[in-house]
């Protein structure tokens, strides 16, 4: 009897808690086999992959590891996670669970954000000339918020319809040095409201959360690779997202002062 009890104990310690009845092998295979990583779009079949247990979405291990340094929610469905199942070799069915350490202390992140805002405010105060106000969408308080939002969405859609390209404002190149997690988190926090509005304007999607997460990840990869071989509306989109990200302005101020030129 003691031997049976001991062997059961060892079996529990060595087994993966999410593989079996709660997470069958077929679910792992379905998430990876002949599937593409939603972040880098590479085929997962012959790559080291990771499957999020809470939603069963699969990613390249490297892609989701980078993402997890910023957020602990699935880029596709926003499901929370604190671990994943690593697929080392699909053919040999070799899987293992990897639990994630806690994200860095929020106080540390807050300190870095506060320091960056202090730098931005001091640089803004040194500007010799204010930027000219080019457009207005209505005075807050006197015009309902939903009317202002609708006007802005129509304006954003017209930028793409007319093929206009934003003129860069004051840039801050240090923002685009994406070699540390604090900077990446700050960029994503800044660009997600802008991305959400652009997707609403172009696609008419009232809840573009999944696309926003996906576009945020693509923007970070684009900064790392500096691949500028785009054209048409896609080029306008990425170009203006970078213009906004490099500026030290809020979305409201940026909307009012940004200047455009026609794309030849």
C-alpha atoms as a PDB file:
ATOM      1  CA  UNK A   1       0.000   0.000   0.000  1.00  0.00           C
ATOM      2  CA  UNK A   2       2.742   2.601   0.851  1.00  0.00           C
ATOM      3  CA  UNK A   3       4.380   1.849  -2.497  1.00  0.00           C
ATOM      4  CA  UNK A   4       1.125   2.546  -4.348  1.00  0.00           C
ATOM      5  CA  UNK A   5       0.655   5.823  -2.455  1.00  0.00           C
ATOM      6  CA  UNK A   6       4.232   6.891  -3.225  1.00  0.00           C
ATOM      7  CA  UNK A   7       3.946   6.069  -6.908  1.00  0.00           C
ATOM      8  CA  UNK A   8       0.704   8.064  -7.133  1.00  0.00           C
ATOM      9  CA  UNK A   9       2.425  11.046  -5.545  1.00  0.00           C
ATOM     10  CA  UNK A  10       5.306  10.900  -8.017  1.00  0.00           C
ATOM     11  CA  UNK A  11       2.836  10.559 -10.890  1.00  0.00           C
ATOM     12  CA  UNK A  12       1.011  13.717  -9.798  1.00  0.00           C
ATOM     13  CA  UNK A  13       4.219  15.709  -9.543  1.00  0.00           C
ATOM     14  CA  UNK A  14       5.478  14.627 -12.979  1.00  0.00           C
ATOM     15  CA  UNK A  15       2.191  15.008 -14.891  1.00  0.00           C
ATOM     16  CA  UNK A  16       1.199  18.241 -16.608  1.00  0.00           C
ATOM     17  CA  UNK A  17      -1.942  19.553 -14.906  1.00  0.00           C
ATOM     18  CA  UNK A  18      -3.392  20.964 -18.108  1.00  0.00           C
ATOM     19  CA  UNK A  19      -2.788  17.973 -20.378  1.00  0.00           C
ATOM     20  CA  UNK A  20      -5.264  15.120 -20.104  1.00  0.00           C
ATOM     21  CA  UNK A  21      -8.951  15.520 -19.392  1.00  0.00           C
ATOM     22  CA  UNK A  22      -8.749  19.343 -19.049  1.00  0.00           C
ATOM     23  CA  UNK A  23      -6.405  19.862 -21.993  1.00  0.00           C
ATOM     24  CA  UNK A  24      -6.349  16.870 -24.366  1.00  0.00           C
ATOM     25  CA  UNK A  25      -3.500  16.294 -26.757  1.00  0.00           C
ATOM     26  CA  UNK A  26      -5.792  16.805 -29.729  1.00  0.00           C
ATOM     27  CA  UNK A  27      -6.459  20.390 -28.558  1.00  0.00           C
ATOM     28  CA  UNK A  28      -2.731  21.129 -28.610  1.00  0.00           C
ATOM     29  CA  UNK A  29      -2.358  19.610 -32.079  1.00  0.00           C
ATOM     30  CA  UNK A  30      -5.347  21.596 -33.380  1.00  0.00           C
ATOM     31  CA  UNK A  31      -3.823  24.846 -32.069  1.00  0.00           C
ATOM     32  CA  UNK A  32      -0.454  24.267 -33.754  1.00  0.00           C
ATOM     33  CA  UNK A  33      -0.612  21.853 -36.706  1.00  0.00           C
ATOM     34  CA  UNK A  34      -0.830  23.738 -40.013  1.00  0.00           C
ATOM     35  CA  UNK A  35      -1.683  26.925 -38.109  1.00  0.00           C
ATOM     36  CA  UNK A  36       0.000  30.330 -38.409  1.00  0.00           C
ATOM     37  CA  UNK A  37       1.251  32.455 -35.542  1.00  0.00           C
ATOM     38  CA  UNK A  38      -1.181  35.424 -35.271  1.00  0.00           C
ATOM     39  CA  UNK A  39       1.745  37.751 -34.469  1.00  0.00           C
ATOM     40  CA  UNK A  40       4.421  36.946 -37.087  1.00  0.00           C
ATOM     41  CA  UNK A  41       2.184  34.881 -39.431  1.00  0.00           C
ATOM     42  CA  UNK A  42       4.786  32.082 -39.669  1.00  0.00           C
ATOM     43  CA  UNK A  43       3.609  28.463 -39.859  1.00  0.00           C
ATOM     44  CA  UNK A  44       3.705  26.831 -36.414  1.00  0.00           C
ATOM     45  CA  UNK A  45       4.042  23.209 -37.563  1.00  0.00           C
ATOM     46  CA  UNK A  46       7.840  23.150 -37.641  1.00  0.00           C
ATOM     47  CA  UNK A  47       8.563  25.852 -35.051  1.00  0.00           C
ATOM     48  CA  UNK A  48       8.781  25.881 -31.259  1.00  0.00           C
ATOM     49  CA  UNK A  49       5.266  26.908 -30.332  1.00  0.00           C
ATOM     50  CA  UNK A  50       3.274  27.776 -27.239  1.00  0.00           C
ATOM     51  CA  UNK A  51      -0.417  27.162 -26.608  1.00  0.00           C
ATOM     52  CA  UNK A  52      -2.312  29.287 -24.081  1.00  0.00           C
ATOM     53  CA  UNK A  53      -4.359  26.898 -21.901  1.00  0.00           C
ATOM     54  CA  UNK A  54      -7.201  29.312 -21.092  1.00  0.00           C
ATOM     55  CA  UNK A  55      -8.202  29.852 -24.751  1.00  0.00           C
ATOM     56  CA  UNK A  56      -6.157  27.256 -26.702  1.00  0.00           C
ATOM     57  CA  UNK A  57      -4.647  29.767 -29.127  1.00  0.00           C
ATOM     58  CA  UNK A  58      -1.196  28.918 -30.471  1.00  0.00           C
ATOM     59  CA  UNK A  59       1.771  31.238 -31.086  1.00  0.00           C
ATOM     60  CA  UNK A  60       5.471  31.099 -31.855  1.00  0.00           C
ATOM     61  CA  UNK A  61       7.190  30.690 -28.513  1.00  0.00           C
ATOM     62  CA  UNK A  62       9.420  33.714 -29.196  1.00  0.00           C
ATOM     63  CA  UNK A  63       6.492  35.942 -30.205  1.00  0.00           C
ATOM     64  CA  UNK A  64       4.260  35.184 -27.243  1.00  0.00           C
ATOM     65  CA  UNK A  65       7.228  35.385 -24.864  1.00  0.00           C
ATOM     66  CA  UNK A  66       7.899  38.957 -26.027  1.00  0.00           C
ATOM     67  CA  UNK A  67       4.199  39.788 -25.748  1.00  0.00           C
ATOM     68  CA  UNK A  68       3.992  38.360 -22.233  1.00  0.00           C
ATOM     69  CA  UNK A  69       6.642  40.844 -21.124  1.00  0.00           C
ATOM     70  CA  UNK A  70       4.079  43.580 -21.834  1.00  0.00           C
ATOM     71  CA  UNK A  71       0.706  41.935 -21.212  1.00  0.00           C
ATOM     72  CA  UNK A  72      -0.630  38.676 -19.805  1.00  0.00           C
ATOM     73  CA  UNK A  73      -3.685  38.506 -22.056  1.00  0.00           C
ATOM     74  CA  UNK A  74      -4.067  36.630 -25.338  1.00  0.00           C
ATOM     75  CA  UNK A  75      -3.525  38.989 -28.304  1.00  0.00           C
ATOM     76  CA  UNK A  76      -6.436  37.329 -30.150  1.00  0.00           C
ATOM     77  CA  UNK A  77      -9.164  37.036 -27.528  1.00  0.00           C
ATOM     78  CA  UNK A  78      -7.843  38.905 -24.460  1.00  0.00           C
ATOM     79  CA  UNK A  79      -8.034  35.789 -22.241  1.00  0.00           C
ATOM     80  CA  UNK A  80      -5.773  36.064 -19.193  1.00  0.00           C
ATOM     81  CA  UNK A  81      -2.892  33.602 -18.779  1.00  0.00           C
ATOM     82  CA  UNK A  82       0.018  32.930 -16.441  1.00  0.00           C
ATOM     83  CA  UNK A  83       1.433  29.871 -18.214  1.00  0.00           C
ATOM     84  CA  UNK A  84       1.518  28.112 -21.561  1.00  0.00           C
ATOM     85  CA  UNK A  85       2.199  24.697 -23.014  1.00  0.00           C
ATOM     86  CA  UNK A  86       5.452  24.570 -24.969  1.00  0.00           C
ATOM     87  CA  UNK A  87       5.445  22.367 -28.068  1.00  0.00           C
ATOM     88  CA  UNK A  88       9.098  21.495 -28.707  1.00  0.00           C
ATOM     89  CA  UNK A  89       8.487  18.869 -31.355  1.00  0.00           C
ATOM     90  CA  UNK A  90       5.038  18.284 -32.795  1.00  0.00           C
ATOM     91  CA  UNK A  91       5.956  14.967 -34.429  1.00  0.00           C
ATOM     92  CA  UNK A  92       7.170  13.356 -31.194  1.00  0.00           C
ATOM     93  CA  UNK A  93       4.325  14.877 -29.109  1.00  0.00           C
ATOM     94  CA  UNK A  94       6.774  16.503 -26.699  1.00  0.00           C
ATOM     95  CA  UNK A  95       4.895  19.050 -24.589  1.00  0.00           C
ATOM     96  CA  UNK A  96       5.740  20.775 -21.322  1.00  0.00           C
ATOM     97  CA  UNK A  97       4.107  23.423 -19.177  1.00  0.00           C
ATOM     98  CA  UNK A  98       5.966  26.669 -18.563  1.00  0.00           C
ATOM     99  CA  UNK A  99       4.725  28.954 -15.792  1.00  0.00           C
ATOM    100  CA  UNK A 100       5.514  32.658 -16.091  1.00  0.00           C
ATOM    101  CA  UNK A 101       7.094  34.835 -13.401  1.00  0.00           C
ATOM    102  CA  UNK A 102       5.036  37.828 -12.232  1.00  0.00           C
ATOM    103  CA  UNK A 103       5.255  40.963 -14.358  1.00  0.00           C
ATOM    104  CA  UNK A 104       7.661  43.613 -13.096  1.00  0.00           C
ATOM    105  CA  UNK A 105       6.595  45.751 -10.171  1.00  0.00           C
ATOM    106  CA  UNK A 106       4.089  48.366 -11.388  1.00  0.00           C
ATOM    107  CA  UNK A 107       5.823  50.973  -9.211  1.00  0.00           C
ATOM    108  CA  UNK A 108       8.971  50.546 -11.315  1.00  0.00           C
ATOM    109  CA  UNK A 109       6.962  50.979 -14.523  1.00  0.00           C
ATOM    110  CA  UNK A 110       5.166  54.009 -13.058  1.00  0.00           C
ATOM    111  CA  UNK A 111       8.509  55.568 -12.110  1.00  0.00           C
ATOM    112  CA  UNK A 112       9.832  55.198 -15.666  1.00  0.00           C
ATOM    113  CA  UNK A 113       6.611  56.614 -17.111  1.00  0.00           C
ATOM    114  CA  UNK A 114       6.737  59.569 -14.732  1.00  0.00           C
ATOM    115  CA  UNK A 115      10.364  60.243 -15.661  1.00  0.00           C
ATOM    116  CA  UNK A 116       9.543  60.087 -19.385  1.00  0.00           C
ATOM    117  CA  UNK A 117       6.619  62.496 -18.918  1.00  0.00           C
ATOM    118  CA  UNK A 118       8.876  64.930 -17.025  1.00  0.00           C
ATOM    119  CA  UNK A 119      11.309  64.876 -19.961  1.00  0.00           C
ATOM    120  CA  UNK A 120       8.488  65.428 -22.473  1.00  0.00           C
ATOM    121  CA  UNK A 121       7.017  68.322 -20.501  1.00  0.00           C
ATOM    122  CA  UNK A 122      10.391  70.032 -20.159  1.00  0.00           C
ATOM    123  CA  UNK A 123      11.113  69.606 -23.873  1.00  0.00           C
ATOM    124  CA  UNK A 124       7.647  70.931 -24.757  1.00  0.00           C
ATOM    125  CA  UNK A 125       8.163  74.016 -22.601  1.00  0.00           C
ATOM    126  CA  UNK A 126      11.324  74.813 -24.569  1.00  0.00           C
ATOM    127  CA  UNK A 127       9.488  75.098 -27.892  1.00  0.00           C
ATOM    128  CA  UNK A 128       9.953  78.570 -29.303  1.00  0.00           C
ATOM    129  CA  UNK A 129       6.803  78.558 -31.443  1.00  0.00           C
ATOM    130  CA  UNK A 130       3.407  76.952 -30.774  1.00  0.00           C
ATOM    131  CA  UNK A 131       2.035  74.659 -33.459  1.00  0.00           C
ATOM    132  CA  UNK A 132      -0.783  76.234 -35.502  1.00  0.00           C
ATOM    133  CA  UNK A 133      -4.305  74.957 -34.738  1.00  0.00           C
ATOM    134  CA  UNK A 134      -5.570  73.534 -38.053  1.00  0.00           C
ATOM    135  CA  UNK A 135      -8.981  72.038 -37.202  1.00  0.00           C
ATOM    136  CA  UNK A 136     -11.595  71.756 -34.472  1.00  0.00           C
ATOM    137  CA  UNK A 137     -14.295  69.147 -33.892  1.00  0.00           C
ATOM    138  CA  UNK A 138     -16.369  71.080 -31.378  1.00  0.00           C
ATOM    139  CA  UNK A 139     -15.807  72.444 -27.904  1.00  0.00           C
ATOM    140  CA  UNK A 140     -16.052  69.718 -25.231  1.00  0.00           C
ATOM    141  CA  UNK A 141     -19.006  70.459 -22.988  1.00  0.00           C
ATOM    142  CA  UNK A 142     -20.894  72.406 -25.619  1.00  0.00           C
ATOM    143  CA  UNK A 143     -20.940  69.562 -28.170  1.00  0.00           C
ATOM    144  CA  UNK A 144     -21.887  65.990 -27.088  1.00  0.00           C
ATOM    145  CA  UNK A 145     -18.973  63.561 -26.923  1.00  0.00           C
ATOM    146  CA  UNK A 146     -20.574  61.146 -29.403  1.00  0.00           C
ATOM    147  CA  UNK A 147     -20.919  63.962 -31.969  1.00  0.00           C
ATOM    148  CA  UNK A 148     -17.229  64.880 -31.597  1.00  0.00           C
ATOM    149  CA  UNK A 149     -16.266  61.201 -31.943  1.00  0.00           C
ATOM    150  CA  UNK A 150     -18.384  60.810 -35.084  1.00  0.00           C
ATOM    151  CA  UNK A 151     -16.813  63.922 -36.626  1.00  0.00           C
ATOM    152  CA  UNK A 152     -13.319  62.584 -35.881  1.00  0.00           C
ATOM    153  CA  UNK A 153     -14.114  59.167 -37.360  1.00  0.00           C
ATOM    154  CA  UNK A 154     -15.384  60.790 -40.586  1.00  0.00           C
ATOM    155  CA  UNK A 155     -12.243  62.947 -40.708  1.00  0.00           C
ATOM    156  CA  UNK A 156      -9.970  59.922 -40.200  1.00  0.00           C
ATOM    157  CA  UNK A 157     -11.759  57.951 -42.930  1.00  0.00           C
ATOM    158  CA  UNK A 158     -11.322  60.885 -45.330  1.00  0.00           C
ATOM    159  CA  UNK A 159      -7.540  60.834 -44.812  1.00  0.00           C
ATOM    160  CA  UNK A 160      -7.374  57.353 -46.330  1.00  0.00           C
ATOM    161  CA  UNK A 161      -9.953  58.076 -49.028  1.00  0.00           C
ATOM    162  CA  UNK A 162      -8.005  61.144 -50.195  1.00  0.00           C
ATOM    163  CA  UNK A 163      -4.604  59.436 -49.858  1.00  0.00           C
ATOM    164  CA  UNK A 164      -3.161  62.133 -47.582  1.00  0.00           C
ATOM    165  CA  UNK A 165       0.139  61.706 -45.776  1.00  0.00           C
ATOM    166  CA  UNK A 166       0.889  63.322 -42.421  1.00  0.00           C
ATOM    167  CA  UNK A 167       3.831  65.701 -42.036  1.00  0.00           C
ATOM    168  CA  UNK A 168       6.014  64.695 -39.086  1.00  0.00           C
ATOM    169  CA  UNK A 169       5.899  66.905 -36.018  1.00  0.00           C
ATOM    170  CA  UNK A 170       8.566  67.228 -33.327  1.00  0.00           C
ATOM    171  CA  UNK A 171      10.051  63.756 -33.015  1.00  0.00           C
ATOM    172  CA  UNK A 172      11.492  61.980 -30.024  1.00  0.00           C
ATOM    173  CA  UNK A 173      13.644  59.184 -31.425  1.00  0.00           C
ATOM    174  CA  UNK A 174      14.346  57.724 -27.982  1.00  0.00           C
ATOM    175  CA  UNK A 175      10.741  56.503 -27.915  1.00  0.00           C
ATOM    176  CA  UNK A 176      11.479  54.198 -30.813  1.00  0.00           C
ATOM    177  CA  UNK A 177      14.452  52.434 -29.222  1.00  0.00           C
ATOM    178  CA  UNK A 178      12.467  49.306 -28.427  1.00  0.00           C
ATOM    179  CA  UNK A 179      15.207  47.285 -26.768  1.00  0.00           C
ATOM    180  CA  UNK A 180      13.659  47.294 -23.284  1.00  0.00           C
ATOM    181  CA  UNK A 181      10.292  46.257 -21.868  1.00  0.00           C
ATOM    182  CA  UNK A 182       9.485  49.625 -20.259  1.00  0.00           C
ATOM    183  CA  UNK A 183       9.755  51.432 -23.595  1.00  0.00           C
ATOM    184  CA  UNK A 184       7.665  48.803 -25.392  1.00  0.00           C
ATOM    185  CA  UNK A 185       4.955  49.005 -22.738  1.00  0.00           C
ATOM    186  CA  UNK A 186       4.948  52.815 -22.968  1.00  0.00           C
ATOM    187  CA  UNK A 187       4.645  52.722 -26.777  1.00  0.00           C
ATOM    188  CA  UNK A 188       1.758  50.239 -26.674  1.00  0.00           C
ATOM    189  CA  UNK A 189      -0.058  52.229 -23.974  1.00  0.00           C
ATOM    190  CA  UNK A 190       0.268  55.345 -26.138  1.00  0.00           C
ATOM    191  CA  UNK A 191      -0.699  53.922 -29.541  1.00  0.00           C
ATOM    192  CA  UNK A 192      -3.613  51.627 -28.623  1.00  0.00           C
ATOM    193  CA  UNK A 193      -6.248  54.445 -28.375  1.00  0.00           C
ATOM    194  CA  UNK A 194      -5.046  55.776 -31.746  1.00  0.00           C
ATOM    195  CA  UNK A 195      -5.186  52.304 -33.302  1.00  0.00           C
ATOM    196  CA  UNK A 196      -8.659  51.685 -31.911  1.00  0.00           C
ATOM    197  CA  UNK A 197      -9.982  54.873 -33.515  1.00  0.00           C
ATOM    198  CA  UNK A 198      -8.279  54.198 -36.874  1.00  0.00           C
ATOM    199  CA  UNK A 199      -9.760  50.704 -37.111  1.00  0.00           C
ATOM    200  CA  UNK A 200     -13.199  52.073 -36.230  1.00  0.00           C
ATOM    201  CA  UNK A 201     -12.862  54.762 -38.901  1.00  0.00           C
ATOM    202  CA  UNK A 202     -11.586  52.479 -41.674  1.00  0.00           C
ATOM    203  CA  UNK A 203     -13.505  49.250 -40.970  1.00  0.00           C
ATOM    204  CA  UNK A 204     -16.505  50.587 -39.059  1.00  0.00           C
ATOM    205  CA  UNK A 205     -15.866  48.009 -36.331  1.00  0.00           C
ATOM    206  CA  UNK A 206     -17.403  49.165 -33.011  1.00  0.00           C
ATOM    207  CA  UNK A 207     -15.243  46.737 -30.973  1.00  0.00           C
ATOM    208  CA  UNK A 208     -11.846  46.318 -32.652  1.00  0.00           C
ATOM    209  CA  UNK A 209      -9.989  44.968 -29.567  1.00  0.00           C
ATOM    210  CA  UNK A 210      -8.526  41.907 -31.297  1.00  0.00           C
ATOM    211  CA  UNK A 211      -7.269  43.919 -34.269  1.00  0.00           C
ATOM    212  CA  UNK A 212      -5.825  46.578 -31.934  1.00  0.00           C
ATOM    213  CA  UNK A 213      -3.788  43.975 -30.026  1.00  0.00           C
ATOM    214  CA  UNK A 214      -2.599  42.476 -33.308  1.00  0.00           C
ATOM    215  CA  UNK A 215      -1.665  45.857 -34.825  1.00  0.00           C
ATOM    216  CA  UNK A 216       0.209  46.852 -31.637  1.00  0.00           C
ATOM    217  CA  UNK A 217       2.349  43.730 -31.887  1.00  0.00           C
ATOM    218  CA  UNK A 218       2.979  44.344 -35.590  1.00  0.00           C
ATOM    219  CA  UNK A 219       4.013  47.938 -34.912  1.00  0.00           C
ATOM    220  CA  UNK A 220       6.586  46.823 -32.338  1.00  0.00           C
ATOM    221  CA  UNK A 221       7.958  44.245 -34.806  1.00  0.00           C
ATOM    222  CA  UNK A 222       8.020  46.907 -37.517  1.00  0.00           C
ATOM    223  CA  UNK A 223      10.092  49.232 -35.322  1.00  0.00           C
ATOM    224  CA  UNK A 224      12.507  46.405 -34.588  1.00  0.00           C
ATOM    225  CA  UNK A 225      12.874  45.432 -38.255  1.00  0.00           C
ATOM    226  CA  UNK A 226      12.424  48.893 -39.840  1.00  0.00           C
ATOM    227  CA  UNK A 227      10.693  47.339 -42.839  1.00  0.00           C
ATOM    228  CA  UNK A 228       9.219  50.246 -44.801  1.00  0.00           C
ATOM    229  CA  UNK A 229       8.331  48.466 -48.022  1.00  0.00           C
ATOM    230  CA  UNK A 230       4.586  49.198 -47.853  1.00  0.00           C
ATOM    231  CA  UNK A 231       2.350  51.155 -50.196  1.00  0.00           C
ATOM    232  CA  UNK A 232      -1.109  52.686 -50.481  1.00  0.00           C
ATOM    233  CA  UNK A 233      -3.416  52.864 -47.477  1.00  0.00           C
ATOM    234  CA  UNK A 234      -1.226  50.495 -45.463  1.00  0.00           C
ATOM    235  CA  UNK A 235       1.736  52.832 -45.856  1.00  0.00           C
ATOM    236  CA  UNK A 236      -0.415  55.840 -44.861  1.00  0.00           C
ATOM    237  CA  UNK A 237      -1.586  53.945 -41.763  1.00  0.00           C
ATOM    238  CA  UNK A 238       1.889  52.924 -40.520  1.00  0.00           C
ATOM    239  CA  UNK A 239       3.427  56.283 -41.448  1.00  0.00           C
ATOM    240  CA  UNK A 240       0.896  58.296 -39.468  1.00  0.00           C
ATOM    241  CA  UNK A 241       0.964  55.890 -36.534  1.00  0.00           C
ATOM    242  CA  UNK A 242       4.693  56.534 -36.340  1.00  0.00           C
ATOM    243  CA  UNK A 243       4.165  60.296 -36.644  1.00  0.00           C
ATOM    244  CA  UNK A 244       1.799  60.189 -33.677  1.00  0.00           C
ATOM    245  CA  UNK A 245       4.002  57.841 -31.645  1.00  0.00           C
ATOM    246  CA  UNK A 246       7.047  60.069 -32.170  1.00  0.00           C
ATOM    247  CA  UNK A 247       5.221  63.248 -31.202  1.00  0.00           C
ATOM    248  CA  UNK A 248       4.859  64.408 -27.609  1.00  0.00           C
ATOM    249  CA  UNK A 249       1.217  65.416 -28.162  1.00  0.00           C
ATOM    250  CA  UNK A 250      -2.053  63.997 -26.906  1.00  0.00           C
ATOM    251  CA  UNK A 251      -4.427  62.596 -29.520  1.00  0.00           C
ATOM    252  CA  UNK A 252      -6.660  65.673 -29.207  1.00  0.00           C
ATOM    253  CA  UNK A 253      -3.798  68.113 -29.819  1.00  0.00           C
ATOM    254  CA  UNK A 254      -2.300  65.962 -32.577  1.00  0.00           C
ATOM    255  CA  UNK A 255      -5.667  65.870 -34.385  1.00  0.00           C
ATOM    256  CA  UNK A 256      -5.870  69.645 -34.279  1.00  0.00           C
ATOM    257  CA  UNK A 257      -2.361  70.480 -35.508  1.00  0.00           C
ATOM    258  CA  UNK A 258      -1.244  67.671 -37.839  1.00  0.00           C
ATOM    259  CA  UNK A 259      -0.624  68.779 -41.423  1.00  0.00           C
ATOM    260  CA  UNK A 260      -1.029  66.643 -44.544  1.00  0.00           C
ATOM    261  CA  UNK A 261       0.382  66.495 -48.049  1.00  0.00           C
ATOM    262  CA  UNK A 262      -1.010  64.603 -51.026  1.00  0.00           C
ATOM    263  CA  UNK A 263       0.673  61.300 -51.878  1.00  0.00           C
ATOM    264  CA  UNK A 264       2.032  61.428 -55.415  1.00  0.00           C
END
